[in-house]
């Protein structure tokens, strides 16, 4: 009967053997169209997986060659195509030359064969000219597909804008007859740690939500991005978590001003209650802290509906 330490070693050994036995993931295969524009085209080969170069003109099969001995096997050569496979690692690369049959004045095309483990070429269509009709048609088709995708995305964004715009806010009851009440908070005290300076705080109130807009300057030596945020009662320590936090720009560079906008589900606290606004950075290490924030003041309460 094995002791526990011995059994553990056996299990670890079996696990290591199983991990070593697992084959490496196969690379993704791609299909490409390329024009010969004077540079050496790179062809990515996955060892053991054949790749075919197709040409739009006849090639000279007898003169297709590698510049140096290499673990590359030419499987077949026809009047318009070369199929080859890498049988091992190609190191810094191997040069393949494929001369055309009826174009003696054309510079001999050369291809740099390299080993690829992530994305490899399965088929490459090679055109002598960048203006070849087939190549231009393929590019046009690709552009049309991209345009259709962009149009679909734009349509989605339009629908999203309708769902989050002013009309949607009215329909959902987020903005009602009471409207939105805006106030520049007078009691702004920046206890600013982390080299962040709050210069002003503006409060937006509706019946079902509240937003604080803080103008801030980054005086530290590194960029800052907001993360979580909350209000903390100065008298009770009660915390009210923010619903969303955003900033323009998304990342605040050194010496750059920006606006941090913090949204709460509804106006928190009681009349005259003083809060401390805390906005952590994305790493939770450098908070922006602003004291003296009042969400409901007596004057505002009396002027409400």
Protein backbone atom coordinates (compact mmCIF):
# COMPACT_ATOMS: atom_id res chain seq x y z
CA UNK A 1 0.00 0.00 0.00
CA UNK A 2 1.42 3.38 -1.04
CA UNK A 3 1.97 6.12 1.52
CA UNK A 4 0.27 9.47 0.83
CA UNK A 5 3.50 11.30 -0.19
CA UNK A 6 4.37 8.47 -2.59
CA UNK A 7 0.87 8.48 -4.06
CA UNK A 8 1.06 12.25 -4.53
CA UNK A 9 4.32 11.91 -6.45
CA UNK A 10 2.81 9.24 -8.67
CA UNK A 11 -0.22 11.40 -9.44
CA UNK A 12 1.96 14.41 -10.21
CA UNK A 13 4.12 12.28 -12.49
CA UNK A 14 1.07 10.96 -14.34
CA UNK A 15 -0.30 14.50 -14.70
CA UNK A 16 3.00 15.75 -16.11
CA UNK A 17 3.14 12.84 -18.56
CA UNK A 18 -0.42 13.53 -19.71
CA UNK A 19 0.40 17.21 -20.21
CA UNK A 20 3.46 16.30 -22.27
CA UNK A 21 1.41 13.87 -24.36
CA UNK A 22 -1.18 16.47 -25.33
CA UNK A 23 -0.56 17.68 -28.90
CA UNK A 24 0.01 21.36 -29.58
CA UNK A 25 -3.08 23.19 -30.91
CA UNK A 26 -3.31 23.31 -34.69
CA UNK A 27 -2.82 26.73 -36.31
CA UNK A 28 -5.64 28.59 -38.02
CA UNK A 29 -5.47 28.34 -41.81
CA UNK A 30 -6.02 31.35 -44.04
CA UNK A 31 -6.73 32.10 -47.69
CA UNK A 32 -5.05 35.19 -49.18
CA UNK A 33 -4.76 37.20 -52.40
CA UNK A 34 -1.48 39.06 -52.92
CA UNK A 35 -0.05 41.16 -55.78
CA UNK A 36 3.63 41.08 -56.73
CA UNK A 37 4.71 44.61 -55.93
CA UNK A 38 8.47 44.22 -55.82
CA UNK A 39 8.90 43.07 -52.25
CA UNK A 40 9.46 39.51 -51.13
CA UNK A 41 6.10 38.06 -50.09
CA UNK A 42 6.12 36.12 -46.81
CA UNK A 43 4.37 32.74 -46.86
CA UNK A 44 3.55 31.25 -43.45
CA UNK A 45 3.81 27.44 -43.30
CA UNK A 46 2.68 25.11 -40.54
CA UNK A 47 4.87 21.99 -40.42
CA UNK A 48 3.04 19.02 -41.90
CA UNK A 49 0.23 21.09 -43.46
CA UNK A 50 0.45 21.63 -47.26
CA UNK A 51 0.10 25.10 -48.75
CA UNK A 52 -0.57 25.99 -52.40
CA UNK A 53 0.57 29.05 -54.35
CA UNK A 54 -1.72 29.72 -57.33
CA UNK A 55 -0.56 32.13 -60.07
CA UNK A 56 -2.57 34.12 -62.62
CA UNK A 57 0.01 33.30 -65.34
CA UNK A 58 1.99 30.26 -66.41
CA UNK A 59 5.12 29.53 -64.42
CA UNK A 60 8.23 27.62 -65.46
CA UNK A 61 8.01 24.34 -63.46
CA UNK A 62 11.59 23.34 -64.30
CA UNK A 63 13.05 26.46 -62.66
CA UNK A 64 11.06 26.50 -59.43
CA UNK A 65 13.66 26.14 -56.68
CA UNK A 66 14.75 26.84 -53.13
CA UNK A 67 17.82 29.02 -52.64
CA UNK A 68 19.27 26.67 -50.05
CA UNK A 69 18.67 23.17 -48.68
CA UNK A 70 15.77 23.28 -46.22
CA UNK A 71 13.15 21.02 -44.64
CA UNK A 72 10.62 21.97 -47.35
CA UNK A 73 9.15 19.42 -49.74
CA UNK A 74 7.72 20.48 -53.12
CA UNK A 75 4.72 18.16 -53.41
CA UNK A 76 3.57 19.21 -56.87
CA UNK A 77 4.36 21.83 -59.51
CA UNK A 78 1.95 22.54 -62.37
CA UNK A 79 1.77 25.28 -64.96
CA UNK A 80 -0.05 27.61 -62.56
CA UNK A 81 0.52 26.30 -59.05
CA UNK A 82 3.09 25.10 -56.53
CA UNK A 83 2.11 22.95 -53.55
CA UNK A 84 4.64 22.51 -50.79
CA UNK A 85 4.91 21.51 -47.15
CA UNK A 86 7.36 22.33 -44.37
CA UNK A 87 8.73 19.22 -42.71
CA UNK A 88 10.37 21.06 -39.84
CA UNK A 89 11.25 24.46 -38.45
CA UNK A 90 12.44 26.93 -41.09
CA UNK A 91 14.43 29.13 -38.76
CA UNK A 92 14.98 32.63 -40.15
CA UNK A 93 13.21 31.66 -43.38
CA UNK A 94 13.84 30.01 -46.73
CA UNK A 95 13.62 31.66 -50.15
CA UNK A 96 11.45 30.06 -52.84
CA UNK A 97 11.82 31.31 -56.42
CA UNK A 98 9.03 30.82 -58.98
CA UNK A 99 9.84 32.31 -62.44
CA UNK A 100 7.08 32.94 -64.97
CA UNK A 101 7.25 31.09 -68.28
CA UNK A 102 6.51 33.85 -70.81
CA UNK A 103 7.83 36.89 -69.01
CA UNK A 104 11.63 36.83 -69.27
CA UNK A 105 11.94 40.53 -68.51
CA UNK A 106 9.93 40.31 -65.33
CA UNK A 107 11.94 40.12 -62.13
CA UNK A 108 11.87 36.60 -60.81
CA UNK A 109 9.31 36.43 -57.98
CA UNK A 110 10.70 35.31 -54.63
CA UNK A 111 8.80 34.17 -51.56
CA UNK A 112 10.08 34.01 -48.00
CA UNK A 113 8.91 30.77 -46.39
CA UNK A 114 8.66 30.93 -42.61
CA UNK A 115 7.30 28.65 -39.90
CA UNK A 116 3.99 29.64 -38.29
CA UNK A 117 2.30 28.14 -35.24
CA UNK A 118 -0.70 30.48 -34.93
CA UNK A 119 -1.96 31.45 -38.41
CA UNK A 120 -0.68 29.62 -41.50
CA UNK A 121 -1.35 29.94 -45.22
CA UNK A 122 -3.41 27.19 -46.85
CA UNK A 123 -3.77 28.91 -50.23
CA UNK A 124 -2.25 32.06 -51.67
CA UNK A 125 -3.48 33.52 -54.96
CA UNK A 126 -0.61 35.44 -56.55
CA UNK A 127 -1.24 38.20 -59.10
CA UNK A 128 1.46 39.78 -61.23
CA UNK A 129 -0.22 43.20 -61.02
CA UNK A 130 -1.94 45.04 -58.21
CA UNK A 131 -4.50 46.14 -60.83
CA UNK A 132 -5.40 42.63 -61.96
CA UNK A 133 -9.18 42.50 -62.61
CA UNK A 134 -9.72 39.44 -60.42
CA UNK A 135 -7.81 41.05 -57.55
CA UNK A 136 -9.70 44.35 -57.92
CA UNK A 137 -13.02 42.50 -57.94
CA UNK A 138 -12.07 40.55 -54.83
CA UNK A 139 -11.10 43.77 -53.06
CA UNK A 140 -14.36 45.41 -54.10
CA UNK A 141 -16.32 42.47 -52.72
CA UNK A 142 -14.39 42.70 -49.45
CA UNK A 143 -15.04 46.46 -49.20
CA UNK A 144 -18.74 45.93 -49.85
CA UNK A 145 -18.85 43.34 -47.08
CA UNK A 146 -17.09 45.71 -44.68
CA UNK A 147 -19.44 48.53 -45.67
CA UNK A 148 -22.45 46.32 -44.98
CA UNK A 149 -21.01 45.39 -41.58
CA UNK A 150 -20.40 49.06 -40.75
CA UNK A 151 -23.94 49.97 -41.79
CA UNK A 152 -25.34 47.22 -39.58
CA UNK A 153 -23.25 48.48 -36.66
CA UNK A 154 -24.40 52.05 -37.32
CA UNK A 155 -28.01 50.91 -37.34
CA UNK A 156 -27.45 49.17 -34.03
CA UNK A 157 -25.92 52.32 -32.54
CA UNK A 158 -28.89 54.39 -33.79
CA UNK A 159 -31.31 52.03 -32.06
CA UNK A 160 -29.20 52.13 -28.92
CA UNK A 161 -29.20 55.93 -29.03
CA UNK A 162 -32.99 55.93 -29.25
CA UNK A 163 -33.16 53.64 -26.25
CA UNK A 164 -30.88 55.86 -24.13
CA UNK A 165 -31.72 59.33 -25.50
CA UNK A 166 -33.95 62.07 -23.99
CA UNK A 167 -37.16 60.62 -25.43
CA UNK A 168 -36.42 57.22 -23.88
CA UNK A 169 -35.70 58.92 -20.56
CA UNK A 170 -39.13 60.56 -20.62
CA UNK A 171 -40.90 57.35 -21.66
CA UNK A 172 -39.16 55.36 -18.91
CA UNK A 173 -40.00 57.95 -16.26
CA UNK A 174 -36.35 58.82 -15.62
CA UNK A 175 -37.26 62.43 -16.40
CA UNK A 176 -40.74 63.64 -15.39
CA UNK A 177 -42.52 66.93 -14.76
CA UNK A 178 -40.07 67.78 -11.99
CA UNK A 179 -37.29 67.88 -14.61
CA UNK A 180 -33.59 67.91 -13.76
CA UNK A 181 -32.32 70.27 -11.05
CA UNK A 182 -28.72 71.42 -11.45
CA UNK A 183 -26.59 73.02 -8.75
CA UNK A 184 -22.94 74.02 -8.38
CA UNK A 185 -21.92 72.70 -4.98
CA UNK A 186 -20.32 75.37 -2.80
CA UNK A 187 -18.76 73.18 -0.13
CA UNK A 188 -16.06 71.53 -2.19
CA UNK A 189 -13.04 70.36 -0.23
CA UNK A 190 -10.53 68.23 -2.07
CA UNK A 191 -8.71 66.01 0.40
CA UNK A 192 -7.05 64.80 -2.82
CA UNK A 193 -4.76 61.93 -2.38
CA UNK A 194 -2.86 60.44 -5.32
CA UNK A 195 -2.14 63.77 -6.98
CA UNK A 196 -5.71 64.35 -8.17
CA UNK A 197 -7.19 67.80 -7.76
CA UNK A 198 -10.94 68.40 -7.88
CA UNK A 199 -11.70 71.96 -8.99
CA UNK A 200 -15.50 71.88 -9.00
CA UNK A 201 -18.48 69.62 -8.37
CA UNK A 202 -21.82 69.94 -10.13
CA UNK A 203 -24.95 68.09 -8.98
CA UNK A 204 -27.76 66.89 -11.26
CA UNK A 205 -30.92 65.65 -9.55
CA UNK A 206 -34.09 64.01 -10.85
CA UNK A 207 -36.71 62.10 -8.91
CA UNK A 208 -35.20 58.69 -9.78
CA UNK A 209 -31.48 59.39 -10.15
CA UNK A 210 -28.62 61.65 -9.17
CA UNK A 211 -25.37 62.51 -10.96
CA UNK A 212 -22.23 64.20 -9.68
CA UNK A 213 -19.90 65.77 -12.23
CA UNK A 214 -16.40 66.47 -10.91
CA UNK A 215 -13.87 68.52 -12.83
CA UNK A 216 -10.48 67.08 -11.98
CA UNK A 217 -6.83 67.61 -12.89
CA UNK A 218 -4.17 64.92 -12.71
CA UNK A 219 -1.10 66.40 -11.00
CA UNK A 220 0.54 63.03 -10.38
CA UNK A 221 3.28 61.50 -12.46
CA UNK A 222 1.18 58.68 -13.94
CA UNK A 223 -2.11 58.20 -15.82
CA UNK A 224 -5.36 57.70 -13.92
CA UNK A 225 -8.53 55.77 -14.85
CA UNK A 226 -11.64 55.63 -12.62
CA UNK A 227 -12.97 52.39 -11.19
CA UNK A 228 -15.57 52.01 -8.42
CA UNK A 229 -17.20 55.00 -6.70
CA UNK A 230 -19.41 55.62 -3.69
CA UNK A 231 -20.73 58.27 -1.30
CA UNK A 232 -19.81 57.92 2.37
CA UNK A 233 -21.85 59.73 5.02
CA UNK A 234 -19.64 62.01 7.14
CA UNK A 235 -21.85 61.45 10.23
CA UNK A 236 -22.75 57.75 10.09
CA UNK A 237 -20.19 56.24 7.71
CA UNK A 238 -23.02 54.73 5.66
CA UNK A 239 -21.93 53.97 2.11
CA UNK A 240 -24.02 54.45 -1.04
CA UNK A 241 -22.50 52.73 -4.06
CA UNK A 242 -22.61 54.41 -7.48
CA UNK A 243 -24.51 52.79 -10.33
CA UNK A 244 -22.05 53.88 -13.04
CA UNK A 245 -18.76 55.77 -13.27
CA UNK A 246 -17.35 57.33 -16.46
CA UNK A 247 -14.80 59.94 -17.42
CA UNK A 248 -13.86 62.07 -20.40
CA UNK A 249 -11.19 61.35 -21.50
CA UNK A 250 -11.25 57.65 -20.57
CA UNK A 251 -7.69 57.86 -19.21
CA UNK A 252 -6.38 61.03 -17.57
CA UNK A 253 -2.77 61.76 -18.49
CA UNK A 254 -0.39 63.70 -16.25
CA UNK A 255 -1.28 67.39 -16.13
CA UNK A 256 -4.47 66.82 -18.11
CA UNK A 257 -7.93 68.02 -16.98
CA UNK A 258 -11.02 65.84 -17.26
CA UNK A 259 -14.57 65.29 -16.05
CA UNK A 260 -15.59 62.38 -13.86
CA UNK A 261 -19.33 61.62 -13.88
CA UNK A 262 -20.79 59.41 -11.13
CA UNK A 263 -24.40 58.20 -11.28
CA UNK A 264 -26.56 57.01 -8.38
CA UNK A 265 -29.85 55.16 -8.53
CA UNK A 266 -31.75 57.88 -6.69
CA UNK A 267 -30.85 61.02 -4.68
CA UNK A 268 -29.29 59.50 -1.55
CA UNK A 269 -29.33 60.68 2.04
CA UNK A 270 -31.46 63.08 4.01
CA UNK A 271 -31.77 66.86 3.75
CA UNK A 272 -28.50 68.55 4.67
CA UNK A 273 -26.59 65.26 5.07
CA UNK A 274 -22.93 65.70 4.14
CA UNK A 275 -21.12 63.03 2.15
CA UNK A 276 -17.62 62.27 1.02
CA UNK A 277 -17.34 61.20 -2.62
CA UNK A 278 -14.72 58.52 -3.25
CA UNK A 279 -13.72 57.44 -6.77
CA UNK A 280 -11.15 54.67 -6.82
CA UNK A 281 -8.80 54.24 -9.73
CA UNK A 282 -9.00 51.06 -11.80
CA UNK A 283 -6.37 49.40 -9.56
CA UNK A 284 -7.99 50.52 -6.31
CA UNK A 285 -4.80 52.23 -5.17
CA UNK A 286 -5.19 55.96 -5.91
CA UNK A 287 -8.63 57.32 -4.98
CA UNK A 288 -10.04 60.71 -5.84
CA UNK A 289 -11.70 61.95 -2.64
CA UNK A 290 -13.99 64.99 -2.40
CA UNK A 291 -15.56 66.02 0.92
CA UNK A 292 -18.45 68.35 1.68
CA UNK A 293 -20.87 66.91 -0.87
CA UNK A 294 -24.54 67.58 -0.05
CA UNK A 295 -27.06 65.74 -2.19
CA UNK A 296 -30.23 67.29 -0.71
CA UNK A 297 -30.11 70.82 0.66
CA UNK A 298 -33.08 72.59 2.35
CA UNK A 299 -33.49 75.15 -0.41
CA UNK A 300 -33.66 72.46 -3.06
CA UNK A 301 -36.13 70.41 -1.01
CA UNK A 302 -38.46 73.38 -0.62
CA UNK A 303 -38.33 74.29 -4.32
CA UNK A 304 -39.23 70.76 -5.43
CA UNK A 305 -42.73 69.79 -6.57
